[in-house]
Amino acid sequence: MEVYNGPHLIIKYEQECSRLTSTWKSSPPNDLEYRKELIEHLNIAQKIKPSQIIWLLESLTFKVGDVTKKWVDENISAPILRAGFVGKNQDGFDQVVFIVGKDVLAYIEIMDIFKENTSNSFKPKIFATEIESIKWLSQDVNTKDSKSKEQKLAITFKGTDDDGKVVFELRQQATNFDGTINLFKIILEQNQFMRNNVEKYSSLTPREKETLKYIIKGCTNNQISEKMHVSPHTIRTHRNRIWQKLEIKHFRDCLKYESFFN
């Protein structure tokens, strides 16, 4: 259900899963317009009190300045966190997710709002696609309140069929079956991606691999330079070489390499 359609932002609410989805349909031209749209988001969130929030950054190219970052932290994020209606995942992440856009710099500026030294202490999750984010949010909803009732997954090898294909039998609670199938699909897709891209990944130096790991976690250049004890210029050089060696153009593409670190 659409609850807001402003100059730059569209907000929808799914009552059955208590999920608020905010989509930048166009990029605001200045800080004032950016703040106005975020105030609308805050008012709606405080009224509806969703347990999950999704931000779609696909069309956002606006670069948030330091003053506005602080304003967002104090006037938007902090009130939502204090209200307590947003859920928290078992791994410590809040049920607030960001779907990265094509403009890497705009994305980095947005995520800078959630540095460790901010007052709100939000820990959002980052995804390349909305489908992946919904899977993560849905799994949390399905398992958070029923952990004690979990049933072990039984997998039985049944041989091969007439075409020589391997056949397995899965036994799982009906309520968890969709999640189990999705998990297998994700594992197979990750395995195939690793097989297809292992040469590219192997071409990275140890320091480039370490840099890539921090990039995937959503760290900024300054944060990575502090963790690796090198200059931000060195990290920028590592980023450029990683992009070249992996033959990627957008930040979202590098997220696929997370499987190499799992």
C-alpha atoms as a PDB file:
ATOM      1  CA  MET A   1       0.000   0.000   0.000  1.00  0.00           C
ATOM      2  CA  GLU A   2       1.405   3.375  -1.017  1.00  0.00           C
ATOM      3  CA  VAL A   3       1.387   5.787   1.933  1.00  0.00           C
ATOM      4  CA  TYR A   4       3.431   8.638   0.445  1.00  0.00           C
ATOM      5  CA  ASN A   5       4.361   9.873  -3.033  1.00  0.00           C
ATOM      6  CA  GLY A   6       6.451  13.005  -2.814  1.00  0.00           C
ATOM      7  CA  PRO A   7       8.662  14.972  -5.181  1.00  0.00           C
ATOM      8  CA  HIS A   8      11.512  12.476  -4.858  1.00  0.00           C
ATOM      9  CA  LEU A   9      10.457   9.710  -2.483  1.00  0.00           C
ATOM     10  CA  ILE A  10       7.832   6.967  -2.619  1.00  0.00           C
ATOM     11  CA  ILE A  11       6.941   5.104   0.585  1.00  0.00           C
ATOM     12  CA  LYS A  12       4.968   1.864   0.705  1.00  0.00           C
ATOM     13  CA  TYR A  13       3.799  -0.176   3.688  1.00  0.00           C
ATOM     14  CA  GLU A  14       3.155  -3.920   3.872  1.00  0.00           C
ATOM     15  CA  GLN A  15       1.019  -4.496   6.955  1.00  0.00           C
ATOM     16  CA  GLU A  16       1.274  -8.305   6.956  1.00  0.00           C
ATOM     17  CA  CYS A  17       5.045  -8.168   7.534  1.00  0.00           C
ATOM     18  CA  SER A  18       5.178  -4.691   9.103  1.00  0.00           C
ATOM     19  CA  ARG A  19       7.601  -3.498   6.426  1.00  0.00           C
ATOM     20  CA  LEU A  20       8.139   0.097   5.267  1.00  0.00           C
ATOM     21  CA  THR A  21       9.843   0.471   1.871  1.00  0.00           C
ATOM     22  CA  SER A  22      11.181   3.871   0.821  1.00  0.00           C
ATOM     23  CA  THR A  23      12.268   4.312  -2.804  1.00  0.00           C
ATOM     24  CA  TRP A  24      14.123   7.296  -4.220  1.00  0.00           C
ATOM     25  CA  LYS A  25      12.348   7.788  -7.547  1.00  0.00           C
ATOM     26  CA  SER A  26      14.589  10.757  -8.286  1.00  0.00           C
ATOM     27  CA  SER A  27      17.540  12.404  -6.579  1.00  0.00           C
ATOM     28  CA  PRO A  28      16.844  15.576  -4.560  1.00  0.00           C
ATOM     29  CA  PRO A  29      18.717  18.630  -5.907  1.00  0.00           C
ATOM     30  CA  ASN A  30      19.837  19.987  -2.534  1.00  0.00           C
ATOM     31  CA  ASP A  31      20.026  19.383   1.225  1.00  0.00           C
ATOM     32  CA  LEU A  32      16.724  21.130   1.909  1.00  0.00           C
ATOM     33  CA  GLU A  33      14.736  18.864  -0.421  1.00  0.00           C
ATOM     34  CA  TYR A  34      16.593  15.814   0.908  1.00  0.00           C
ATOM     35  CA  ARG A  35      15.718  16.706   4.498  1.00  0.00           C
ATOM     36  CA  LYS A  36      12.074  17.392   3.646  1.00  0.00           C
ATOM     37  CA  GLU A  37      11.655  13.891   2.242  1.00  0.00           C
ATOM     38  CA  LEU A  38      13.356  12.321   5.257  1.00  0.00           C
ATOM     39  CA  ILE A  39      11.031  14.204   7.601  1.00  0.00           C
ATOM     40  CA  GLU A  40       8.091  12.679   5.721  1.00  0.00           C
ATOM     41  CA  HIS A  41       9.704   9.260   6.177  1.00  0.00           C
ATOM     42  CA  LEU A  42      10.142   9.897   9.918  1.00  0.00           C
ATOM     43  CA  ASN A  43       6.545  11.055  10.402  1.00  0.00           C
ATOM     44  CA  ILE A  44       5.177   8.000   8.618  1.00  0.00           C
ATOM     45  CA  ALA A  45       7.487   5.629  10.493  1.00  0.00           C
ATOM     46  CA  GLN A  46       6.495   7.095  13.867  1.00  0.00           C
ATOM     47  CA  LYS A  47       2.828   6.763  12.956  1.00  0.00           C
ATOM     48  CA  ILE A  48       2.934   3.232  11.505  1.00  0.00           C
ATOM     49  CA  LYS A  49       5.745   1.835  13.718  1.00  0.00           C
ATOM     50  CA  PRO A  50       7.110  -0.752  11.251  1.00  0.00           C
ATOM     51  CA  SER A  51       9.421  -3.518  12.479  1.00  0.00           C
ATOM     52  CA  GLN A  52      11.326  -3.532   9.148  1.00  0.00           C
ATOM     53  CA  ILE A  53      12.578  -0.701   6.918  1.00  0.00           C
ATOM     54  CA  ILE A  54      13.962  -0.968   3.379  1.00  0.00           C
ATOM     55  CA  TRP A  55      15.718   1.874   1.537  1.00  0.00           C
ATOM     56  CA  LEU A  56      16.090   1.576  -2.253  1.00  0.00           C
ATOM     57  CA  LEU A  57      18.990   3.786  -3.396  1.00  0.00           C
ATOM     58  CA  GLU A  58      18.943   2.901  -7.108  1.00  0.00           C
ATOM     59  CA  SER A  59      18.119   6.421  -8.316  1.00  0.00           C
ATOM     60  CA  LEU A  60      19.915   8.362  -5.592  1.00  0.00           C
ATOM     61  CA  THR A  61      22.917  10.380  -6.780  1.00  0.00           C
ATOM     62  CA  PHE A  62      22.715  13.195  -4.209  1.00  0.00           C
ATOM     63  CA  LYS A  63      25.938  13.539  -2.163  1.00  0.00           C
ATOM     64  CA  VAL A  64      25.068  14.096   1.498  1.00  0.00           C
ATOM     65  CA  GLY A  65      27.286  16.691   3.181  1.00  0.00           C
ATOM     66  CA  ASP A  66      28.735  16.369   6.687  1.00  0.00           C
ATOM     67  CA  VAL A  67      26.257  18.830   8.196  1.00  0.00           C
ATOM     68  CA  THR A  68      23.284  16.938   6.805  1.00  0.00           C
ATOM     69  CA  LYS A  69      24.791  13.607   7.887  1.00  0.00           C
ATOM     70  CA  LYS A  70      24.830  14.862  11.465  1.00  0.00           C
ATOM     71  CA  TRP A  71      21.300  16.227  11.056  1.00  0.00           C
ATOM     72  CA  VAL A  72      20.036  12.849   9.790  1.00  0.00           C
ATOM     73  CA  ASP A  73      21.739  11.073  12.675  1.00  0.00           C
ATOM     74  CA  GLU A  74      20.217  13.327  15.310  1.00  0.00           C
ATOM     75  CA  ASN A  75      16.789  14.080  13.818  1.00  0.00           C
ATOM     76  CA  ILE A  76      15.835  10.987  11.812  1.00  0.00           C
ATOM     77  CA  SER A  77      17.792   7.890  12.825  1.00  0.00           C
ATOM     78  CA  ALA A  78      18.036   8.546  16.565  1.00  0.00           C
ATOM     79  CA  PRO A  79      14.264   9.104  17.095  1.00  0.00           C
ATOM     80  CA  ILE A  80      13.462   5.890  15.207  1.00  0.00           C
ATOM     81  CA  LEU A  81      16.006   3.929  17.234  1.00  0.00           C
ATOM     82  CA  ARG A  82      14.764   5.356  20.547  1.00  0.00           C
ATOM     83  CA  ALA A  83      11.161   4.489  19.675  1.00  0.00           C
ATOM     84  CA  GLY A  84      12.118   0.810  19.623  1.00  0.00           C
ATOM     85  CA  PHE A  85       9.660  -0.449  17.015  1.00  0.00           C
ATOM     86  CA  VAL A  86      12.321  -1.584  14.525  1.00  0.00           C
ATOM     87  CA  GLY A  87      13.274  -5.224  15.097  1.00  0.00           C
ATOM     88  CA  LYS A  88      16.780  -6.599  15.521  1.00  0.00           C
ATOM     89  CA  ASN A  89      18.233  -9.687  13.871  1.00  0.00           C
ATOM     90  CA  GLN A  90      19.897 -12.401  15.919  1.00  0.00           C
ATOM     91  CA  ASP A  91      23.296 -11.527  14.422  1.00  0.00           C
ATOM     92  CA  GLY A  92      23.069  -8.008  15.841  1.00  0.00           C
ATOM     93  CA  PHE A  93      21.861  -6.152  12.732  1.00  0.00           C
ATOM     94  CA  ASP A  94      18.778  -3.959  12.910  1.00  0.00           C
ATOM     95  CA  GLN A  95      15.996  -4.808  10.457  1.00  0.00           C
ATOM     96  CA  VAL A  96      16.943  -1.783   8.367  1.00  0.00           C
ATOM     97  CA  VAL A  97      18.369  -2.626   4.947  1.00  0.00           C
ATOM     98  CA  PHE A  98      19.832  -0.564   2.118  1.00  0.00           C
ATOM     99  CA  ILE A  99      19.731  -1.674  -1.526  1.00  0.00           C
ATOM    100  CA  VAL A 100      22.790  -0.116  -3.139  1.00  0.00           C
ATOM    101  CA  GLY A 101      22.520   2.100  -6.200  1.00  0.00           C
ATOM    102  CA  LYS A 102      24.790   2.632  -9.187  1.00  0.00           C
ATOM    103  CA  ASP A 103      26.363   5.786  -7.767  1.00  0.00           C
ATOM    104  CA  VAL A 104      28.977   4.418  -5.387  1.00  0.00           C
ATOM    105  CA  LEU A 105      29.937   7.819  -3.977  1.00  0.00           C
ATOM    106  CA  ALA A 106      26.339   8.645  -3.085  1.00  0.00           C
ATOM    107  CA  TYR A 107      26.005   5.245  -1.424  1.00  0.00           C
ATOM    108  CA  ILE A 108      29.190   5.719   0.609  1.00  0.00           C
ATOM    109  CA  GLU A 109      28.021   9.134   1.796  1.00  0.00           C
ATOM    110  CA  ILE A 110      24.695   7.647   2.942  1.00  0.00           C
ATOM    111  CA  MET A 111      26.374   4.802   4.828  1.00  0.00           C
ATOM    112  CA  ASP A 112      28.731   7.318   6.455  1.00  0.00           C
ATOM    113  CA  ILE A 113      25.737   8.354   8.557  1.00  0.00           C
ATOM    114  CA  PHE A 114      25.950   4.997  10.315  1.00  0.00           C
ATOM    115  CA  LYS A 115      29.588   5.172  11.411  1.00  0.00           C
ATOM    116  CA  GLU A 116      30.442   3.636  14.761  1.00  0.00           C
ATOM    117  CA  ASN A 117      30.892   7.062  16.362  1.00  0.00           C
ATOM    118  CA  THR A 118      27.361   8.283  15.630  1.00  0.00           C
ATOM    119  CA  SER A 119      24.765   8.666  18.378  1.00  0.00           C
ATOM    120  CA  ASN A 120      22.121   6.349  16.949  1.00  0.00           C
ATOM    121  CA  SER A 121      24.226   3.134  16.789  1.00  0.00           C
ATOM    122  CA  PHE A 122      22.070   1.711  13.998  1.00  0.00           C
ATOM    123  CA  LYS A 123      23.521  -1.391  12.338  1.00  0.00           C
ATOM    124  CA  PRO A 124      21.824  -1.621   8.926  1.00  0.00           C
ATOM    125  CA  LYS A 125      22.340  -4.486   6.470  1.00  0.00           C
ATOM    126  CA  ILE A 126      23.469  -3.948   2.865  1.00  0.00           C
ATOM    127  CA  PHE A 127      22.192  -5.860  -0.167  1.00  0.00           C
ATOM    128  CA  ALA A 128      22.642  -5.725  -3.920  1.00  0.00           C
ATOM    129  CA  THR A 129      18.999  -6.537  -4.707  1.00  0.00           C
ATOM    130  CA  GLU A 130      15.628  -6.095  -3.060  1.00  0.00           C
ATOM    131  CA  ILE A 131      14.936  -9.835  -3.404  1.00  0.00           C
ATOM    132  CA  GLU A 132      17.984 -10.671  -1.283  1.00  0.00           C
ATOM    133  CA  SER A 133      16.972  -8.158   1.372  1.00  0.00           C
ATOM    134  CA  ILE A 134      13.430  -9.516   1.621  1.00  0.00           C
ATOM    135  CA  LYS A 135      14.774 -13.067   1.979  1.00  0.00           C
ATOM    136  CA  TRP A 136      16.951 -11.933   4.863  1.00  0.00           C
ATOM    137  CA  LEU A 137      14.141 -10.018   6.546  1.00  0.00           C
ATOM    138  CA  SER A 138      11.656 -12.859   6.034  1.00  0.00           C
ATOM    139  CA  GLN A 139      14.009 -15.461   7.464  1.00  0.00           C
ATOM    140  CA  ASP A 140      14.446 -13.347  10.547  1.00  0.00           C
ATOM    141  CA  VAL A 141      10.698 -12.979  10.985  1.00  0.00           C
ATOM    142  CA  ASN A 142      10.127 -16.715  10.548  1.00  0.00           C
ATOM    143  CA  THR A 143      12.821 -17.888  12.948  1.00  0.00           C
ATOM    144  CA  LYS A 144      13.085 -15.241  15.645  1.00  0.00           C
ATOM    145  CA  ASP A 145      10.082 -16.363  17.684  1.00  0.00           C
ATOM    146  CA  SER A 146      10.191 -20.063  16.944  1.00  0.00           C
ATOM    147  CA  LYS A 147      13.793 -21.061  17.568  1.00  0.00           C
ATOM    148  CA  SER A 148      12.829 -23.586  20.213  1.00  0.00           C
ATOM    149  CA  LYS A 149      10.494 -25.289  17.752  1.00  0.00           C
ATOM    150  CA  GLU A 150      13.084 -25.746  15.025  1.00  0.00           C
ATOM    151  CA  GLN A 151      13.171 -29.168  13.397  1.00  0.00           C
ATOM    152  CA  LYS A 152      16.325 -30.608  11.890  1.00  0.00           C
ATOM    153  CA  LEU A 153      16.467 -30.808   8.133  1.00  0.00           C
ATOM    154  CA  ALA A 154      16.699 -34.423   6.903  1.00  0.00           C
ATOM    155  CA  ILE A 155      18.418 -34.988   3.543  1.00  0.00           C
ATOM    156  CA  THR A 156      18.390 -38.475   2.035  1.00  0.00           C
ATOM    157  CA  PHE A 157      20.251 -39.593  -1.084  1.00  0.00           C
ATOM    158  CA  LYS A 158      17.752 -41.519  -3.271  1.00  0.00           C
ATOM    159  CA  GLY A 159      20.089 -42.536  -6.110  1.00  0.00           C
ATOM    160  CA  THR A 160      19.910 -41.388  -9.711  1.00  0.00           C
ATOM    161  CA  ASP A 161      17.046 -41.123 -12.181  1.00  0.00           C
ATOM    162  CA  ASP A 162      16.852 -42.489 -15.731  1.00  0.00           C
ATOM    163  CA  ASP A 163      18.765 -39.454 -17.018  1.00  0.00           C
ATOM    164  CA  GLY A 164      21.618 -39.977 -14.578  1.00  0.00           C
ATOM    165  CA  LYS A 165      20.678 -37.008 -12.397  1.00  0.00           C
ATOM    166  CA  VAL A 166      21.186 -37.225  -8.634  1.00  0.00           C
ATOM    167  CA  VAL A 167      17.962 -37.344  -6.583  1.00  0.00           C
ATOM    168  CA  PHE A 168      17.680 -36.190  -2.960  1.00  0.00           C
ATOM    169  CA  GLU A 169      14.716 -36.272  -0.595  1.00  0.00           C
ATOM    170  CA  LEU A 170      14.239 -33.349   1.787  1.00  0.00           C
ATOM    171  CA  ARG A 171      12.207 -33.660   4.985  1.00  0.00           C
ATOM    172  CA  GLN A 172      11.463 -30.380   6.692  1.00  0.00           C
ATOM    173  CA  GLN A 173       8.633 -28.610   8.501  1.00  0.00           C
ATOM    174  CA  ALA A 174       6.212 -27.203   5.921  1.00  0.00           C
ATOM    175  CA  THR A 175       6.539 -23.716   7.397  1.00  0.00           C
ATOM    176  CA  ASN A 176      10.316 -23.753   6.797  1.00  0.00           C
ATOM    177  CA  PHE A 177      10.319 -25.459   3.408  1.00  0.00           C
ATOM    178  CA  ASP A 178      10.437 -22.313   1.276  1.00  0.00           C
ATOM    179  CA  GLY A 179      13.349 -20.995   3.298  1.00  0.00           C
ATOM    180  CA  THR A 180      15.185 -24.308   2.931  1.00  0.00           C
ATOM    181  CA  ILE A 181      14.744 -24.359  -0.846  1.00  0.00           C
ATOM    182  CA  ASN A 182      15.900 -20.749  -1.089  1.00  0.00           C
ATOM    183  CA  LEU A 183      18.947 -21.602   1.025  1.00  0.00           C
ATOM    184  CA  PHE A 184      19.914 -24.459  -1.306  1.00  0.00           C
ATOM    185  CA  LYS A 185      19.409 -22.200  -4.306  1.00  0.00           C
ATOM    186  CA  ILE A 186      21.636 -19.512  -2.787  1.00  0.00           C
ATOM    187  CA  ILE A 187      24.350 -22.064  -1.961  1.00  0.00           C
ATOM    188  CA  LEU A 188      24.302 -23.474  -5.499  1.00  0.00           C
ATOM    189  CA  GLU A 189      24.364 -19.991  -7.056  1.00  0.00           C
ATOM    190  CA  GLN A 190      27.268 -18.946  -4.831  1.00  0.00           C
ATOM    191  CA  ASN A 191      29.143 -22.143  -5.652  1.00  0.00           C
ATOM    192  CA  GLN A 192      28.663 -21.553  -9.388  1.00  0.00           C
ATOM    193  CA  PHE A 193      29.766 -17.939  -9.075  1.00  0.00           C
ATOM    194  CA  MET A 194      32.915 -18.982  -7.218  1.00  0.00           C
ATOM    195  CA  ARG A 195      33.754 -21.591  -9.853  1.00  0.00           C
ATOM    196  CA  ASN A 196      33.297 -19.025 -12.644  1.00  0.00           C
ATOM    197  CA  ASN A 197      35.280 -16.266 -10.954  1.00  0.00           C
ATOM    198  CA  VAL A 198      37.969 -18.024  -8.922  1.00  0.00           C
ATOM    199  CA  GLU A 199      40.700 -16.933 -11.374  1.00  0.00           C
ATOM    200  CA  LYS A 200      39.738 -13.273 -11.056  1.00  0.00           C
ATOM    201  CA  TYR A 201      39.616 -13.509  -7.268  1.00  0.00           C
ATOM    202  CA  SER A 202      42.963 -15.339  -7.173  1.00  0.00           C
ATOM    203  CA  SER A 203      44.550 -12.495  -9.160  1.00  0.00           C
ATOM    204  CA  LEU A 204      44.072 -10.158  -6.182  1.00  0.00           C
ATOM    205  CA  THR A 205      46.981  -9.612  -3.823  1.00  0.00           C
ATOM    206  CA  PRO A 206      46.484 -10.424  -0.103  1.00  0.00           C
ATOM    207  CA  ARG A 207      46.075  -6.710   0.675  1.00  0.00           C
ATOM    208  CA  GLU A 208      43.552  -6.277  -2.138  1.00  0.00           C
ATOM    209  CA  LYS A 209      41.580  -9.242  -0.799  1.00  0.00           C
ATOM    210  CA  GLU A 210      41.613  -7.717   2.670  1.00  0.00           C
ATOM    211  CA  THR A 211      40.439  -4.405   1.210  1.00  0.00           C
ATOM    212  CA  LEU A 212      37.670  -6.159  -0.721  1.00  0.00           C
ATOM    213  CA  LYS A 213      36.475  -7.852   2.452  1.00  0.00           C
ATOM    214  CA  TYR A 214      36.088  -4.484   4.190  1.00  0.00           C
ATOM    215  CA  ILE A 215      34.427  -2.952   1.116  1.00  0.00           C
ATOM    216  CA  ILE A 216      31.828  -5.725   1.132  1.00  0.00           C
ATOM    217  CA  LYS A 217      31.147  -4.975   4.798  1.00  0.00           C
ATOM    218  CA  GLY A 218      30.287  -1.406   3.778  1.00  0.00           C
ATOM    219  CA  CYS A 219      33.353   0.335   5.203  1.00  0.00           C
ATOM    220  CA  THR A 220      34.407   3.687   3.757  1.00  0.00           C
ATOM    221  CA  ASN A 221      37.929   4.408   2.495  1.00  0.00           C
ATOM    222  CA  ASN A 222      38.816   6.196   5.737  1.00  0.00           C
ATOM    223  CA  GLN A 223      37.515   3.344   7.869  1.00  0.00           C
ATOM    224  CA  ILE A 224      39.453   0.762   5.830  1.00  0.00           C
ATOM    225  CA  SER A 225      42.648   2.829   5.991  1.00  0.00           C
ATOM    226  CA  GLU A 226      42.374   2.911   9.800  1.00  0.00           C
ATOM    227  CA  LYS A 227      41.813  -0.847  10.013  1.00  0.00           C
ATOM    228  CA  MET A 228      44.674  -1.652   7.626  1.00  0.00           C
ATOM    229  CA  HIS A 229      46.992   1.119   8.927  1.00  0.00           C
ATOM    230  CA  VAL A 230      47.585   2.686   5.520  1.00  0.00           C
ATOM    231  CA  SER A 231      46.594   5.980   3.907  1.00  0.00           C
ATOM    232  CA  PRO A 232      43.178   6.557   2.263  1.00  0.00           C
ATOM    233  CA  HIS A 233      45.078   7.129  -1.006  1.00  0.00           C
ATOM    234  CA  THR A 234      46.444   3.578  -0.789  1.00  0.00           C
ATOM    235  CA  ILE A 235      42.928   2.228  -0.254  1.00  0.00           C
ATOM    236  CA  ARG A 236      41.678   4.151  -3.296  1.00  0.00           C
ATOM    237  CA  THR A 237      44.490   2.545  -5.305  1.00  0.00           C
ATOM    238  CA  HIS A 238      43.494  -0.892  -3.997  1.00  0.00           C
ATOM    239  CA  ARG A 239      39.853  -0.199  -4.955  1.00  0.00           C
ATOM    240  CA  ASN A 240      40.785   0.775  -8.499  1.00  0.00           C
ATOM    241  CA  ARG A 241      42.917  -2.330  -8.967  1.00  0.00           C
ATOM    242  CA  ILE A 242      40.208  -4.565  -7.513  1.00  0.00           C
ATOM    243  CA  TRP A 243      37.634  -3.086  -9.905  1.00  0.00           C
ATOM    244  CA  GLN A 244      39.996  -3.656 -12.843  1.00  0.00           C
ATOM    245  CA  LYS A 245      40.990  -7.206 -11.922  1.00  0.00           C
ATOM    246  CA  LEU A 246      37.438  -8.329 -11.159  1.00  0.00           C
ATOM    247  CA  GLU A 247      36.132  -6.478 -14.238  1.00  0.00           C
ATOM    248  CA  ILE A 248      33.303  -4.818 -12.324  1.00  0.00           C
ATOM    249  CA  LYS A 249      31.791  -1.358 -12.713  1.00  0.00           C
ATOM    250  CA  HIS A 250      29.327  -1.014  -9.819  1.00  0.00           C
ATOM    251  CA  PHE A 251      29.603  -1.513  -6.073  1.00  0.00           C
ATOM    252  CA  ARG A 252      26.800  -4.068  -6.133  1.00  0.00           C
ATOM    253  CA  ASP A 253      28.916  -6.358  -8.329  1.00  0.00           C
ATOM    254  CA  CYS A 254      31.627  -6.676  -5.706  1.00  0.00           C
ATOM    255  CA  LEU A 255      29.081  -7.860  -3.119  1.00  0.00           C
ATOM    256  CA  LYS A 256      28.828 -11.132  -5.037  1.00  0.00           C
ATOM    257  CA  TYR A 257      32.384 -11.915  -3.961  1.00  0.00           C
ATOM    258  CA  GLU A 258      31.229 -12.190  -0.340  1.00  0.00           C
ATOM    259  CA  SER A 259      30.941 -15.959  -0.904  1.00  0.00           C
ATOM    260  CA  PHE A 260      34.764 -16.177  -1.095  1.00  0.00           C
ATOM    261  CA  PHE A 261      34.971 -14.984   2.515  1.00  0.00           C
ATOM    262  CA  ASN A 262      32.265 -17.263   3.963  1.00  0.00           C
END
